[in-house]
Amino acid sequence: MIDFHLDSRSGVPTYLQIVQQVRQAIPLGLLASGDQLPTVKDVVAHLAINPNTVLKAYRDLDHEGLVEARRGQGTFVSSRVLPDPPRDVAGLQRELGEWVKRARAAGVDDEGLYALFGTVLHRMERAA
């Protein structure tokens, strides 16, 4: 099950952060067809946000066809065919986790991590 997190400094509305996390988790294979999203009540308790915010996010995802709301059961990742996730996502996460640990040990904060990652990604895109 996905565990939502919020970045209050991002400037991105809360509901949209939830939508983006689901959109990103599906193609990576972190969420698969039939997986249940956390209940609205659980998300509200975990993130201390308004239930309407979660409902809006889930409604937007439903309109996009990414999830299906089942009355009395919850919200589930759509049963429509999803792309195959990249190979070895777990390995990539593990390696990225090690990189983050090294960066933190070197004194890099969250903002610096984003900047480093964005810089490297941008350089690789230009070189391709």
Protein backbone atom coordinates (compact mmCIF):
# COMPACT_ATOMS: atom_id res chain seq x y z
CA MET A 1 0.00 0.00 0.00
CA ILE A 2 1.22 3.48 -0.80
CA ASP A 3 2.20 5.80 2.05
CA PHE A 4 1.51 9.41 1.04
CA HIS A 5 3.80 12.22 2.08
CA LEU A 6 3.46 15.97 1.66
CA ASP A 7 5.96 18.72 0.96
CA SER A 8 4.52 21.94 2.35
CA ARG A 9 7.31 23.95 0.69
CA SER A 10 6.64 22.69 -2.83
CA GLY A 11 3.85 25.11 -3.66
CA VAL A 12 1.89 22.20 -5.15
CA PRO A 13 -1.65 21.86 -3.76
CA THR A 14 -2.06 19.00 -1.30
CA TYR A 15 -4.62 17.10 -3.39
CA LEU A 16 -2.34 17.31 -6.43
CA GLN A 17 0.62 15.91 -4.48
CA ILE A 18 -1.51 12.85 -3.68
CA VAL A 19 -2.56 12.53 -7.33
CA GLN A 20 1.04 12.83 -8.52
CA GLN A 21 2.26 10.17 -6.09
CA VAL A 22 -0.32 7.69 -7.38
CA ARG A 23 0.47 8.60 -11.00
CA GLN A 24 4.17 7.97 -10.34
CA ALA A 25 3.70 4.78 -8.32
CA ILE A 26 1.67 2.94 -10.98
CA PRO A 27 4.20 2.90 -13.83
CA LEU A 28 7.00 2.08 -11.40
CA GLY A 29 5.09 -0.98 -10.22
CA LEU A 30 4.81 0.32 -6.67
CA LEU A 31 1.04 0.11 -7.12
CA ALA A 32 -0.48 -2.67 -9.22
CA SER A 33 -3.90 -3.36 -10.61
CA GLY A 34 -6.28 -4.21 -7.77
CA ASP A 35 -4.16 -2.65 -5.01
CA GLN A 36 -6.18 -0.67 -2.51
CA LEU A 37 -5.33 2.95 -1.75
CA PRO A 38 -5.40 4.00 1.90
CA THR A 39 -8.87 4.93 3.12
CA VAL A 40 -9.74 8.61 3.27
CA LYS A 41 -9.92 8.26 7.05
CA ASP A 42 -6.39 6.78 7.21
CA VAL A 43 -4.91 9.49 4.97
CA VAL A 44 -6.60 12.22 7.01
CA ALA A 45 -5.25 10.75 10.25
CA HIS A 46 -1.73 10.26 8.85
CA LEU A 47 -1.35 13.64 7.13
CA ALA A 48 -3.68 15.79 9.28
CA ILE A 49 -5.51 17.20 6.26
CA ASN A 50 -9.13 17.84 5.36
CA PRO A 51 -11.08 14.78 4.15
CA ASN A 52 -12.35 16.79 1.17
CA THR A 53 -8.74 17.15 -0.02
CA VAL A 54 -8.32 13.38 -0.16
CA LEU A 55 -11.74 12.92 -1.75
CA LYS A 56 -10.82 15.44 -4.46
CA ALA A 57 -7.55 13.62 -5.18
CA TYR A 58 -9.27 10.24 -5.37
CA ARG A 59 -12.05 11.67 -7.54
CA ASP A 60 -9.49 13.14 -9.98
CA LEU A 61 -7.70 9.78 -10.16
CA ASP A 62 -11.03 8.07 -10.79
CA HIS A 63 -11.85 10.49 -13.63
CA GLU A 64 -8.44 9.70 -15.16
CA GLY A 65 -9.27 6.00 -15.02
CA LEU A 66 -6.34 5.19 -12.75
CA VAL A 67 -8.47 4.08 -9.80
CA GLU A 68 -11.95 2.72 -9.20
CA ALA A 69 -14.05 3.61 -6.17
CA ARG A 70 -15.99 0.61 -4.86
CA ARG A 71 -18.87 1.59 -2.63
CA GLY A 72 -18.30 0.34 0.90
CA GLN A 73 -14.94 -1.23 0.03
CA GLY A 74 -12.55 1.60 -0.79
CA THR A 75 -10.55 2.86 -3.73
CA PHE A 76 -8.51 0.46 -5.86
CA VAL A 77 -6.01 0.77 -8.69
CA SER A 78 -7.91 0.25 -11.92
CA SER A 79 -8.10 -3.22 -13.40
CA ARG A 80 -7.31 -1.88 -16.87
CA VAL A 81 -4.02 -3.02 -18.36
CA LEU A 82 -1.08 -1.21 -16.83
CA PRO A 83 2.39 -0.94 -18.33
CA ASP A 84 5.04 -3.33 -17.09
CA PRO A 85 7.16 -1.69 -14.40
CA PRO A 86 10.85 -1.12 -15.05
CA ARG A 87 13.04 -4.08 -14.24
CA ASP A 88 14.57 -4.21 -10.77
CA VAL A 89 12.70 -1.31 -9.15
CA ALA A 90 13.64 -2.70 -5.73
CA GLY A 91 17.31 -2.66 -6.68
CA LEU A 92 17.06 0.89 -7.95
CA GLN A 93 15.36 1.99 -4.74
CA ARG A 94 18.04 0.30 -2.66
CA GLU A 95 20.85 1.99 -4.62
CA LEU A 96 19.13 5.37 -4.47
CA GLY A 97 18.67 4.89 -0.72
CA GLU A 98 22.41 4.31 -0.35
CA TRP A 99 23.11 7.42 -2.41
CA VAL A 100 20.80 9.47 -0.18
CA LYS A 101 22.57 8.15 2.94
CA ARG A 102 25.95 9.18 1.47
CA ALA A 103 24.62 12.61 0.56
CA ARG A 104 23.14 13.11 4.05
CA ALA A 105 26.45 12.02 5.63
CA ALA A 106 28.10 14.69 3.50
CA GLY A 107 25.70 17.29 4.92
CA VAL A 108 23.28 17.61 2.00
CA ASP A 109 19.70 18.52 3.03
CA ASP A 110 16.46 17.73 1.17
CA GLU A 111 16.67 20.84 -1.00
CA GLY A 112 20.23 19.96 -1.94
CA LEU A 113 19.22 16.37 -2.76
CA TYR A 114 16.55 17.61 -5.16
CA ALA A 115 19.01 20.05 -6.72
CA LEU A 116 21.69 17.39 -7.17
CA PHE A 117 19.27 14.90 -8.68
CA GLY A 118 17.73 17.52 -10.97
CA THR A 119 21.14 18.71 -12.14
CA VAL A 120 22.35 15.21 -12.99
CA LEU A 121 19.08 14.33 -14.71
CA HIS A 122 19.19 17.51 -16.77
CA ARG A 123 22.81 16.90 -17.81
CA MET A 124 21.99 13.34 -18.88
CA GLU A 125 19.01 14.52 -20.94
CA ARG A 126 21.19 17.08 -22.74
CA ALA A 127 23.88 14.50 -23.41
CA ALA A 128 21.43 12.00 -24.88
